[in-house]
Amino acid sequence: MDQRFAGMVKSVLQNANVIVMVADARYPQRCVSRAFLESVSSKDKRVILCLNKADLIPKHIGAGWRRCLHDTYQLPVVCISARDRLGTRHLRDAVARQFGLLGLDGRKGDECGLGLVGLPNAGKSTVANLLKGSRSASTSPKPGHTVGVQSLRVKGLGYMLYDTPGVVETLMREELPLADQLLLCAFNPMTELATEEMPDAATRLAARFEELDPAAFEAWRLDFFPWLRAGQENKASYEGPSSISLLFAQKLGKLQKGGVLDERAGASLFLQHHLSGKIPVYEHPPSTFS
């Protein structure tokens, strides 16, 4: 881990009494780190699991993950959409309860700290603004936007809120397979990948979608590329994950000289489509979770 980032996370953990782990509600199993949670719990910290971007999944999927994660970790779990300000009260109430269990009340002068941790692009800064009730933490749809610890005083509740960069000490981006990094939007492929690397990245991401929910991925393809349903022979067809770039090139008319479909441009468009949260494929809660 970058020592500067490691120091930031350590500082937050030292100052925070309550930790909110922010995870992408679409992929909780890949976002939540058991090792990190156990490490924090051993330090007598209270922990809340916050599943953000719940607006991108059906309500019953969110409810299933909430039950599953609660049963697995015996921790409070809250589903929210920080962007749409849904679930604000539930998260605020959960934070207040955890401080109360520690016998702390910032309004009475107790020193209280709330730390936000999670992978890049989980929406931590947006959650920070939601908790504070004003736009104080800088936000961006680009992964890794927060580059230093941001400290915010939450007026009326009397606690300090610490927002970290997108790093968790025991679950670093570099430890994840590239397909999962792409799935979780843990980095921005538009800026961090060379043009010639785009088709391979798109193939890996499409393959991950196929593994997660092949039926949902197929339903999205048939809807987004209507000629697939019609069986038009003069257009690109889906022959597996490696063909997703050509489908996007066909859809948006991206051609090279000679009228050949531009695979690299199509790959870039597919990756951007996912970064925007427009592909409705997500993890389904298992009956057991390890």
C-alpha atoms as a PDB file:
ATOM      1  CA  MET A   1       0.000   0.000   0.000  1.00  0.00           C
ATOM      2  CA  ASP A   2       1.098   3.552  -0.656  1.00  0.00           C
ATOM      3  CA  GLN A   3       2.465   4.602   2.757  1.00  0.00           C
ATOM      4  CA  ARG A   4       0.813   8.018   2.508  1.00  0.00           C
ATOM      5  CA  PHE A   5      -2.617   6.440   2.017  1.00  0.00           C
ATOM      6  CA  ALA A   6      -1.920   3.852   4.728  1.00  0.00           C
ATOM      7  CA  GLY A   7      -1.146   6.661   7.146  1.00  0.00           C
ATOM      8  CA  MET A   8      -4.386   8.444   6.231  1.00  0.00           C
ATOM      9  CA  VAL A   9      -6.501   5.359   6.902  1.00  0.00           C
ATOM     10  CA  LYS A  10      -4.651   4.685  10.165  1.00  0.00           C
ATOM     11  CA  SER A  11      -5.253   8.274  11.262  1.00  0.00           C
ATOM     12  CA  VAL A  12      -8.970   7.982  10.560  1.00  0.00           C
ATOM     13  CA  LEU A  13      -9.238   4.703  12.463  1.00  0.00           C
ATOM     14  CA  GLN A  14      -7.458   6.250  15.438  1.00  0.00           C
ATOM     15  CA  ASN A  15      -9.754   9.280  15.542  1.00  0.00           C
ATOM     16  CA  ALA A  16     -13.069   7.602  14.730  1.00  0.00           C
ATOM     17  CA  ASN A  17     -15.250   5.857  17.306  1.00  0.00           C
ATOM     18  CA  VAL A  18     -17.711   4.706  14.658  1.00  0.00           C
ATOM     19  CA  ILE A  19     -16.731   3.433  11.202  1.00  0.00           C
ATOM     20  CA  VAL A  20     -19.068   3.432   8.203  1.00  0.00           C
ATOM     21  CA  MET A  21     -17.867   1.033   5.511  1.00  0.00           C
ATOM     22  CA  VAL A  22     -19.390   2.269   2.253  1.00  0.00           C
ATOM     23  CA  ALA A  23     -19.894  -0.436  -0.380  1.00  0.00           C
ATOM     24  CA  ASP A  24     -21.477  -0.538  -3.827  1.00  0.00           C
ATOM     25  CA  ALA A  25     -24.931  -2.099  -3.311  1.00  0.00           C
ATOM     26  CA  ARG A  26     -24.612  -3.856  -6.672  1.00  0.00           C
ATOM     27  CA  TYR A  27     -21.571  -5.879  -5.620  1.00  0.00           C
ATOM     28  CA  PRO A  28     -21.458  -6.212  -1.808  1.00  0.00           C
ATOM     29  CA  GLN A  29     -19.669  -9.554  -1.836  1.00  0.00           C
ATOM     30  CA  ARG A  30     -16.689  -8.003  -3.611  1.00  0.00           C
ATOM     31  CA  CYS A  31     -16.700  -4.741  -1.627  1.00  0.00           C
ATOM     32  CA  VAL A  32     -16.953  -5.899   1.972  1.00  0.00           C
ATOM     33  CA  SER A  33     -13.695  -7.039   3.565  1.00  0.00           C
ATOM     34  CA  ARG A  34     -14.091  -9.536   6.418  1.00  0.00           C
ATOM     35  CA  ALA A  35     -10.453  -9.048   7.456  1.00  0.00           C
ATOM     36  CA  PHE A  36     -10.910  -5.290   7.695  1.00  0.00           C
ATOM     37  CA  LEU A  37     -14.133  -5.601   9.684  1.00  0.00           C
ATOM     38  CA  GLU A  38     -12.547  -8.043  12.121  1.00  0.00           C
ATOM     39  CA  SER A  39      -9.530  -5.763  12.500  1.00  0.00           C
ATOM     40  CA  VAL A  40     -11.709  -2.739  13.266  1.00  0.00           C
ATOM     41  CA  SER A  41     -13.947  -4.681  15.662  1.00  0.00           C
ATOM     42  CA  SER A  42     -10.892  -5.791  17.639  1.00  0.00           C
ATOM     43  CA  LYS A  43     -10.125  -2.106  18.263  1.00  0.00           C
ATOM     44  CA  ASP A  44     -13.476  -1.569  20.023  1.00  0.00           C
ATOM     45  CA  LYS A  45     -14.894   0.445  17.137  1.00  0.00           C
ATOM     46  CA  ARG A  46     -18.564   0.347  16.224  1.00  0.00           C
ATOM     47  CA  VAL A  47     -19.120  -0.458  12.541  1.00  0.00           C
ATOM     48  CA  ILE A  48     -22.001   0.193  10.141  1.00  0.00           C
ATOM     49  CA  LEU A  49     -22.185  -1.342   6.671  1.00  0.00           C
ATOM     50  CA  CYS A  50     -23.624   1.183   4.228  1.00  0.00           C
ATOM     51  CA  LEU A  51     -24.754  -0.175   0.849  1.00  0.00           C
ATOM     52  CA  ASN A  52     -24.721   2.877  -1.395  1.00  0.00           C
ATOM     53  CA  LYS A  53     -26.170   3.182  -4.926  1.00  0.00           C
ATOM     54  CA  ALA A  54     -29.197   1.132  -3.866  1.00  0.00           C
ATOM     55  CA  ASP A  55     -31.175   2.968  -6.552  1.00  0.00           C
ATOM     56  CA  LEU A  56     -29.353   0.798  -9.112  1.00  0.00           C
ATOM     57  CA  ILE A  57     -30.786  -2.494  -7.788  1.00  0.00           C
ATOM     58  CA  PRO A  58     -34.327  -3.781  -7.112  1.00  0.00           C
ATOM     59  CA  LYS A  59     -35.558  -3.285  -3.557  1.00  0.00           C
ATOM     60  CA  HIS A  60     -35.823  -7.016  -2.868  1.00  0.00           C
ATOM     61  CA  ILE A  61     -32.164  -7.490  -3.813  1.00  0.00           C
ATOM     62  CA  GLY A  62     -31.135  -4.749  -1.384  1.00  0.00           C
ATOM     63  CA  ALA A  63     -33.293  -6.257   1.342  1.00  0.00           C
ATOM     64  CA  GLY A  64     -31.765  -9.677   0.725  1.00  0.00           C
ATOM     65  CA  TRP A  65     -28.208  -8.338   1.009  1.00  0.00           C
ATOM     66  CA  ARG A  66     -29.127  -6.393   4.137  1.00  0.00           C
ATOM     67  CA  ARG A  67     -30.331  -9.584   5.845  1.00  0.00           C
ATOM     68  CA  CYS A  68     -27.414 -11.632   4.546  1.00  0.00           C
ATOM     69  CA  LEU A  69     -24.713  -9.204   5.667  1.00  0.00           C
ATOM     70  CA  HIS A  70     -26.363  -8.599   9.024  1.00  0.00           C
ATOM     71  CA  ASP A  71     -26.571 -12.336   9.706  1.00  0.00           C
ATOM     72  CA  THR A  72     -22.965 -12.843   8.601  1.00  0.00           C
ATOM     73  CA  TYR A  73     -21.274  -9.999  10.474  1.00  0.00           C
ATOM     74  CA  GLN A  74     -23.825  -9.155  13.186  1.00  0.00           C
ATOM     75  CA  LEU A  75     -23.540  -5.487  12.221  1.00  0.00           C
ATOM     76  CA  PRO A  76     -26.149  -2.872  11.315  1.00  0.00           C
ATOM     77  CA  VAL A  77     -26.616  -2.651   7.534  1.00  0.00           C
ATOM     78  CA  VAL A  78     -28.247   0.318   5.798  1.00  0.00           C
ATOM     79  CA  CYS A  79     -29.198   0.613   2.111  1.00  0.00           C
ATOM     80  CA  ILE A  80     -29.081   4.151   0.715  1.00  0.00           C
ATOM     81  CA  SER A  81     -28.756   6.176  -2.438  1.00  0.00           C
ATOM     82  CA  ALA A  82     -26.587   9.100  -1.403  1.00  0.00           C
ATOM     83  CA  ARG A  83     -26.924  10.663  -4.851  1.00  0.00           C
ATOM     84  CA  ASP A  84     -30.731  10.683  -4.640  1.00  0.00           C
ATOM     85  CA  ARG A  85     -30.742  11.341  -0.872  1.00  0.00           C
ATOM     86  CA  LEU A  86     -32.689   8.147  -0.159  1.00  0.00           C
ATOM     87  CA  GLY A  87     -32.151   6.449   3.193  1.00  0.00           C
ATOM     88  CA  THR A  88     -30.695   9.549   4.834  1.00  0.00           C
ATOM     89  CA  ARG A  89     -32.679   9.202   8.038  1.00  0.00           C
ATOM     90  CA  HIS A  90     -31.913   5.492   8.387  1.00  0.00           C
ATOM     91  CA  LEU A  91     -28.182   6.120   8.129  1.00  0.00           C
ATOM     92  CA  ARG A  92     -28.249   9.090  10.506  1.00  0.00           C
ATOM     93  CA  ASP A  93     -30.258   7.061  13.033  1.00  0.00           C
ATOM     94  CA  ALA A  94     -27.827   4.141  12.752  1.00  0.00           C
ATOM     95  CA  VAL A  95     -24.876   6.460  13.407  1.00  0.00           C
ATOM     96  CA  ALA A  96     -26.596   8.003  16.444  1.00  0.00           C
ATOM     97  CA  ARG A  97     -27.383   4.542  17.858  1.00  0.00           C
ATOM     98  CA  GLN A  98     -23.761   3.422  17.546  1.00  0.00           C
ATOM     99  CA  PHE A  99     -22.459   6.514  19.342  1.00  0.00           C
ATOM    100  CA  GLY A 100     -25.101   5.910  21.999  1.00  0.00           C
ATOM    101  CA  LEU A 101     -23.934   2.334  22.517  1.00  0.00           C
ATOM    102  CA  LEU A 102     -20.480   3.760  23.229  1.00  0.00           C
ATOM    103  CA  GLY A 103     -21.965   6.193  25.722  1.00  0.00           C
ATOM    104  CA  LEU A 104     -20.951   9.173  23.590  1.00  0.00           C
ATOM    105  CA  ASP A 105     -22.934  12.296  22.761  1.00  0.00           C
ATOM    106  CA  GLY A 106     -21.173  15.043  20.839  1.00  0.00           C
ATOM    107  CA  ARG A 107     -23.906  17.496  21.755  1.00  0.00           C
ATOM    108  CA  LYS A 108     -22.830  17.151  25.381  1.00  0.00           C
ATOM    109  CA  GLY A 109     -19.193  17.834  24.620  1.00  0.00           C
ATOM    110  CA  ASP A 110     -17.953  14.242  24.142  1.00  0.00           C
ATOM    111  CA  GLU A 111     -15.220  13.816  21.550  1.00  0.00           C
ATOM    112  CA  CYS A 112     -16.869  11.814  18.779  1.00  0.00           C
ATOM    113  CA  GLY A 113     -15.426  10.792  15.430  1.00  0.00           C
ATOM    114  CA  LEU A 114     -17.091   9.088  12.465  1.00  0.00           C
ATOM    115  CA  GLY A 115     -14.878   7.558   9.759  1.00  0.00           C
ATOM    116  CA  LEU A 116     -15.861   6.648   6.204  1.00  0.00           C
ATOM    117  CA  VAL A 117     -13.902   3.909   4.451  1.00  0.00           C
ATOM    118  CA  GLY A 118     -14.358   1.835   1.304  1.00  0.00           C
ATOM    119  CA  LEU A 119     -13.078   1.166  -2.177  1.00  0.00           C
ATOM    120  CA  PRO A 120     -12.650   3.980  -4.715  1.00  0.00           C
ATOM    121  CA  ASN A 121     -15.886   5.246  -6.244  1.00  0.00           C
ATOM    122  CA  ALA A 122     -18.126   3.724  -3.569  1.00  0.00           C
ATOM    123  CA  GLY A 123     -19.555   7.192  -2.994  1.00  0.00           C
ATOM    124  CA  LYS A 124     -17.956   8.031   0.341  1.00  0.00           C
ATOM    125  CA  SER A 125     -17.786  11.790  -0.241  1.00  0.00           C
ATOM    126  CA  THR A 126     -21.423  11.871  -1.321  1.00  0.00           C
ATOM    127  CA  VAL A 127     -22.318   9.966   1.852  1.00  0.00           C
ATOM    128  CA  ALA A 128     -20.292  12.521   3.827  1.00  0.00           C
ATOM    129  CA  ASN A 129     -22.330  15.344   2.330  1.00  0.00           C
ATOM    130  CA  LEU A 130     -25.543  13.455   3.053  1.00  0.00           C
ATOM    131  CA  LEU A 131     -24.592  13.001   6.713  1.00  0.00           C
ATOM    132  CA  LYS A 132     -23.509  16.576   7.145  1.00  0.00           C
ATOM    133  CA  GLY A 133     -26.528  17.945   5.335  1.00  0.00           C
ATOM    134  CA  SER A 134     -24.548  20.233   3.026  1.00  0.00           C
ATOM    135  CA  ARG A 135     -22.187  19.954   0.109  1.00  0.00           C
ATOM    136  CA  SER A 136     -18.894  20.146   1.997  1.00  0.00           C
ATOM    137  CA  ALA A 137     -16.904  17.170   0.689  1.00  0.00           C
ATOM    138  CA  SER A 138     -15.750  17.373  -2.918  1.00  0.00           C
ATOM    139  CA  THR A 139     -17.401  14.721  -5.109  1.00  0.00           C
ATOM    140  CA  SER A 140     -16.877  13.372  -8.612  1.00  0.00           C
ATOM    141  CA  PRO A 141     -18.099  10.379 -10.645  1.00  0.00           C
ATOM    142  CA  LYS A 142     -14.452   9.633 -11.402  1.00  0.00           C
ATOM    143  CA  PRO A 143     -12.879   6.901  -9.228  1.00  0.00           C
ATOM    144  CA  GLY A 144     -10.240   8.017  -6.748  1.00  0.00           C
ATOM    145  CA  HIS A 145     -11.451  11.625  -6.611  1.00  0.00           C
ATOM    146  CA  THR A 146     -10.725  12.031  -2.891  1.00  0.00           C
ATOM    147  CA  VAL A 147      -6.943  12.225  -2.470  1.00  0.00           C
ATOM    148  CA  GLY A 148      -6.571  13.170   1.195  1.00  0.00           C
ATOM    149  CA  VAL A 149      -8.433  12.852   4.474  1.00  0.00           C
ATOM    150  CA  GLN A 150     -11.286  15.366   4.611  1.00  0.00           C
ATOM    151  CA  SER A 151     -12.443  16.414   8.097  1.00  0.00           C
ATOM    152  CA  LEU A 152     -15.924  17.869   8.483  1.00  0.00           C
ATOM    153  CA  ARG A 153     -17.652  19.116  11.613  1.00  0.00           C
ATOM    154  CA  VAL A 154     -21.272  17.941  11.721  1.00  0.00           C
ATOM    155  CA  LYS A 155     -23.098  20.816  13.354  1.00  0.00           C
ATOM    156  CA  GLY A 156     -26.003  19.980  15.609  1.00  0.00           C
ATOM    157  CA  LEU A 157     -24.728  16.469  16.254  1.00  0.00           C
ATOM    158  CA  GLY A 158     -21.303  17.440  17.549  1.00  0.00           C
ATOM    159  CA  TYR A 159     -19.055  14.885  15.874  1.00  0.00           C
ATOM    160  CA  MET A 160     -16.183  15.041  13.409  1.00  0.00           C
ATOM    161  CA  LEU A 161     -16.576  13.193  10.145  1.00  0.00           C
ATOM    162  CA  TYR A 162     -13.476  11.829   8.395  1.00  0.00           C
ATOM    163  CA  ASP A 163     -13.614  10.894   4.704  1.00  0.00           C
ATOM    164  CA  THR A 164     -10.652   8.843   3.449  1.00  0.00           C
ATOM    165  CA  PRO A 165      -9.271   8.292  -0.038  1.00  0.00           C
ATOM    166  CA  GLY A 166     -10.602   5.164  -1.718  1.00  0.00           C
ATOM    167  CA  VAL A 167      -8.407   2.758   0.152  1.00  0.00           C
ATOM    168  CA  VAL A 168      -8.987   0.127   2.805  1.00  0.00           C
ATOM    169  CA  GLU A 169      -5.886  -1.252   4.463  1.00  0.00           C
ATOM    170  CA  THR A 170      -6.801  -4.922   4.049  1.00  0.00           C
ATOM    171  CA  LEU A 171      -8.619  -4.660   0.704  1.00  0.00           C
ATOM    172  CA  MET A 172      -6.540  -2.756  -1.799  1.00  0.00           C
ATOM    173  CA  ARG A 173      -7.459  -2.314  -5.421  1.00  0.00           C
ATOM    174  CA  GLU A 174      -4.211  -3.983  -6.490  1.00  0.00           C
ATOM    175  CA  GLU A 175      -5.295  -7.183  -4.707  1.00  0.00           C
ATOM    176  CA  LEU A 176      -8.421  -7.489  -6.855  1.00  0.00           C
ATOM    177  CA  PRO A 177      -8.493  -9.194 -10.270  1.00  0.00           C
ATOM    178  CA  LEU A 178      -8.672  -6.693 -13.129  1.00  0.00           C
ATOM    179  CA  ALA A 179     -12.206  -7.838 -13.954  1.00  0.00           C
ATOM    180  CA  ASP A 180     -13.352  -6.951 -10.432  1.00  0.00           C
ATOM    181  CA  GLN A 181     -11.507  -3.628 -10.507  1.00  0.00           C
ATOM    182  CA  LEU A 182     -13.446  -2.792 -13.670  1.00  0.00           C
ATOM    183  CA  LEU A 183     -16.706  -4.094 -12.230  1.00  0.00           C
ATOM    184  CA  LEU A 184     -16.336  -1.985  -9.070  1.00  0.00           C
ATOM    185  CA  CYS A 185     -15.149   1.083 -11.022  1.00  0.00           C
ATOM    186  CA  ALA A 186     -12.108   1.034  -8.726  1.00  0.00           C
ATOM    187  CA  PHE A 187     -10.173   3.053 -11.308  1.00  0.00           C
ATOM    188  CA  ASN A 188     -10.978   5.074 -14.391  1.00  0.00           C
ATOM    189  CA  PRO A 189     -10.096   2.999 -17.479  1.00  0.00           C
ATOM    190  CA  MET A 190     -10.539   6.084 -19.656  1.00  0.00           C
ATOM    191  CA  THR A 191      -7.444   7.656 -18.127  1.00  0.00           C
ATOM    192  CA  GLU A 192      -5.464   4.691 -16.830  1.00  0.00           C
ATOM    193  CA  LEU A 193      -5.600   2.282 -19.771  1.00  0.00           C
ATOM    194  CA  ALA A 194      -3.941   2.686 -23.145  1.00  0.00           C
ATOM    195  CA  THR A 195      -6.259   2.650 -26.156  1.00  0.00           C
ATOM    196  CA  GLU A 196      -4.956  -0.754 -27.242  1.00  0.00           C
ATOM    197  CA  GLU A 197      -5.822  -2.186 -23.814  1.00  0.00           C
ATOM    198  CA  MET A 198      -9.484  -1.204 -24.023  1.00  0.00           C
ATOM    199  CA  PRO A 199     -10.803  -4.271 -25.924  1.00  0.00           C
ATOM    200  CA  ASP A 200      -9.236  -6.710 -23.445  1.00  0.00           C
ATOM    201  CA  ALA A 201     -10.647  -4.725 -20.503  1.00  0.00           C
ATOM    202  CA  ALA A 202     -14.095  -4.697 -22.117  1.00  0.00           C
ATOM    203  CA  THR A 203     -13.916  -8.457 -22.678  1.00  0.00           C
ATOM    204  CA  ARG A 204     -12.977  -9.072 -19.038  1.00  0.00           C
ATOM    205  CA  LEU A 205     -15.822  -6.896 -17.798  1.00  0.00           C
ATOM    206  CA  ALA A 206     -18.367  -8.541 -20.106  1.00  0.00           C
ATOM    207  CA  ALA A 207     -17.166 -11.958 -18.941  1.00  0.00           C
ATOM    208  CA  ARG A 208     -17.691 -10.894 -15.321  1.00  0.00           C
ATOM    209  CA  PHE A 209     -21.242  -9.793 -16.167  1.00  0.00           C
ATOM    210  CA  GLU A 210     -21.821 -13.202 -17.763  1.00  0.00           C
ATOM    211  CA  GLU A 211     -20.668 -14.897 -14.551  1.00  0.00           C
ATOM    212  CA  LEU A 212     -22.776 -12.700 -12.272  1.00  0.00           C
ATOM    213  CA  ASP A 213     -26.111 -13.010 -14.052  1.00  0.00           C
ATOM    214  CA  PRO A 214     -26.087 -14.333 -17.639  1.00  0.00           C
ATOM    215  CA  ALA A 215     -29.871 -13.958 -18.002  1.00  0.00           C
ATOM    216  CA  ALA A 216     -29.849 -10.290 -16.946  1.00  0.00           C
ATOM    217  CA  PHE A 217     -26.859  -9.533 -19.161  1.00  0.00           C
ATOM    218  CA  GLU A 218     -28.572 -11.185 -22.133  1.00  0.00           C
ATOM    219  CA  ALA A 219     -31.823  -9.291 -21.490  1.00  0.00           C
ATOM    220  CA  TRP A 220     -29.900  -6.006 -21.420  1.00  0.00           C
ATOM    221  CA  ARG A 221     -28.088  -6.867 -24.693  1.00  0.00           C
ATOM    222  CA  LEU A 222     -31.301  -7.732 -26.492  1.00  0.00           C
ATOM    223  CA  ASP A 223     -32.834  -4.465 -25.365  1.00  0.00           C
ATOM    224  CA  PHE A 224     -29.789  -2.275 -26.058  1.00  0.00           C
ATOM    225  CA  PHE A 225     -28.903  -3.912 -29.390  1.00  0.00           C
ATOM    226  CA  PRO A 226     -32.348  -4.542 -30.949  1.00  0.00           C
ATOM    227  CA  TRP A 227     -30.924  -6.117 -34.107  1.00  0.00           C
ATOM    228  CA  LEU A 228     -29.804  -9.107 -31.997  1.00  0.00           C
ATOM    229  CA  ARG A 229     -33.426  -9.943 -31.253  1.00  0.00           C
ATOM    230  CA  ALA A 230     -34.347  -9.472 -34.910  1.00  0.00           C
ATOM    231  CA  GLY A 231     -31.439 -11.624 -36.061  1.00  0.00           C
ATOM    232  CA  GLN A 232     -30.159  -9.170 -38.665  1.00  0.00           C
ATOM    233  CA  GLU A 233     -27.273 -10.806 -40.508  1.00  0.00           C
ATOM    234  CA  ASN A 234     -25.587  -7.622 -41.757  1.00  0.00           C
ATOM    235  CA  LYS A 235     -24.755  -6.377 -38.246  1.00  0.00           C
ATOM    236  CA  ALA A 236     -22.404  -7.427 -35.460  1.00  0.00           C
ATOM    237  CA  SER A 237     -23.612 -10.415 -33.441  1.00  0.00           C
ATOM    238  CA  TYR A 238     -22.888 -11.493 -29.899  1.00  0.00           C
ATOM    239  CA  GLU A 239     -20.417 -14.363 -29.961  1.00  0.00           C
ATOM    240  CA  GLY A 240     -19.337 -14.100 -26.342  1.00  0.00           C
ATOM    241  CA  PRO A 241     -17.665 -11.446 -24.147  1.00  0.00           C
ATOM    242  CA  SER A 242     -14.975 -10.671 -26.721  1.00  0.00           C
ATOM    243  CA  SER A 243     -17.597  -9.365 -29.162  1.00  0.00           C
ATOM    244  CA  ILE A 244     -19.087  -6.707 -26.856  1.00  0.00           C
ATOM    245  CA  SER A 245     -16.776  -3.990 -28.222  1.00  0.00           C
ATOM    246  CA  LEU A 246     -17.884  -4.585 -31.798  1.00  0.00           C
ATOM    247  CA  LEU A 247     -21.532  -4.427 -30.741  1.00  0.00           C
ATOM    248  CA  PHE A 248     -20.985  -0.989 -29.212  1.00  0.00           C
ATOM    249  CA  ALA A 249     -19.071   0.169 -32.276  1.00  0.00           C
ATOM    250  CA  GLN A 250     -22.002  -0.977 -34.435  1.00  0.00           C
ATOM    251  CA  LYS A 251     -24.576   0.672 -32.158  1.00  0.00           C
ATOM    252  CA  LEU A 252     -22.894   4.078 -32.220  1.00  0.00           C
ATOM    253  CA  GLY A 253     -21.481   3.976 -35.736  1.00  0.00           C
ATOM    254  CA  LYS A 254     -17.793   3.900 -34.806  1.00  0.00           C
ATOM    255  CA  LEU A 255     -15.908   2.885 -37.963  1.00  0.00           C
ATOM    256  CA  GLN A 256     -12.290   2.813 -39.051  1.00  0.00           C
ATOM    257  CA  LYS A 257     -11.119   3.559 -42.542  1.00  0.00           C
ATOM    258  CA  GLY A 258     -12.642   1.148 -44.995  1.00  0.00           C
ATOM    259  CA  GLY A 259     -15.847   0.839 -42.976  1.00  0.00           C
ATOM    260  CA  VAL A 260     -14.438  -1.672 -40.479  1.00  0.00           C
ATOM    261  CA  LEU A 261     -15.969  -1.507 -36.982  1.00  0.00           C
ATOM    262  CA  ASP A 262     -13.648   0.300 -34.568  1.00  0.00           C
ATOM    263  CA  GLU A 263     -13.199  -2.236 -31.767  1.00  0.00           C
ATOM    264  CA  ARG A 264     -11.148   0.091 -29.558  1.00  0.00           C
ATOM    265  CA  ALA A 265     -13.733   2.875 -29.747  1.00  0.00           C
ATOM    266  CA  GLY A 266     -16.510   0.381 -29.030  1.00  0.00           C
ATOM    267  CA  ALA A 267     -14.635  -0.957 -26.007  1.00  0.00           C
ATOM    268  CA  SER A 268     -14.209   2.569 -24.644  1.00  0.00           C
ATOM    269  CA  LEU A 269     -17.928   3.234 -25.034  1.00  0.00           C
ATOM    270  CA  PHE A 270     -18.841   0.002 -23.221  1.00  0.00           C
ATOM    271  CA  LEU A 271     -16.562   0.852 -20.299  1.00  0.00           C
ATOM    272  CA  GLN A 272     -18.024   4.365 -20.110  1.00  0.00           C
ATOM    273  CA  HIS A 273     -21.529   2.894 -20.162  1.00  0.00           C
ATOM    274  CA  HIS A 274     -20.694   0.806 -17.102  1.00  0.00           C
ATOM    275  CA  LEU A 275     -19.026   3.720 -15.298  1.00  0.00           C
ATOM    276  CA  SER A 276     -22.337   5.571 -15.672  1.00  0.00           C
ATOM    277  CA  GLY A 277     -24.220   2.726 -13.962  1.00  0.00           C
ATOM    278  CA  LYS A 278     -26.298   1.886 -17.047  1.00  0.00           C
ATOM    279  CA  ILE A 279     -25.871  -1.897 -17.138  1.00  0.00           C
ATOM    280  CA  PRO A 280     -28.403  -3.576 -14.783  1.00  0.00           C
ATOM    281  CA  VAL A 281     -26.334  -6.571 -13.711  1.00  0.00           C
ATOM    282  CA  TYR A 282     -25.632  -7.108 -10.021  1.00  0.00           C
ATOM    283  CA  GLU A 283     -24.808  -9.752  -7.425  1.00  0.00           C
ATOM    284  CA  HIS A 284     -27.691 -11.745  -5.985  1.00  0.00           C
ATOM    285  CA  PRO A 285     -27.600 -12.430  -2.245  1.00  0.00           C
ATOM    286  CA  PRO A 286     -26.718 -16.049  -1.492  1.00  0.00           C
ATOM    287  CA  SER A 287     -28.371 -18.033   1.278  1.00  0.00           C
ATOM    288  CA  THR A 288     -24.981 -18.130   2.987  1.00  0.00           C
ATOM    289  CA  PHE A 289     -22.129 -15.683   2.601  1.00  0.00           C
ATOM    290  CA  SER A 290     -18.459 -16.223   3.401  1.00  0.00           C
END
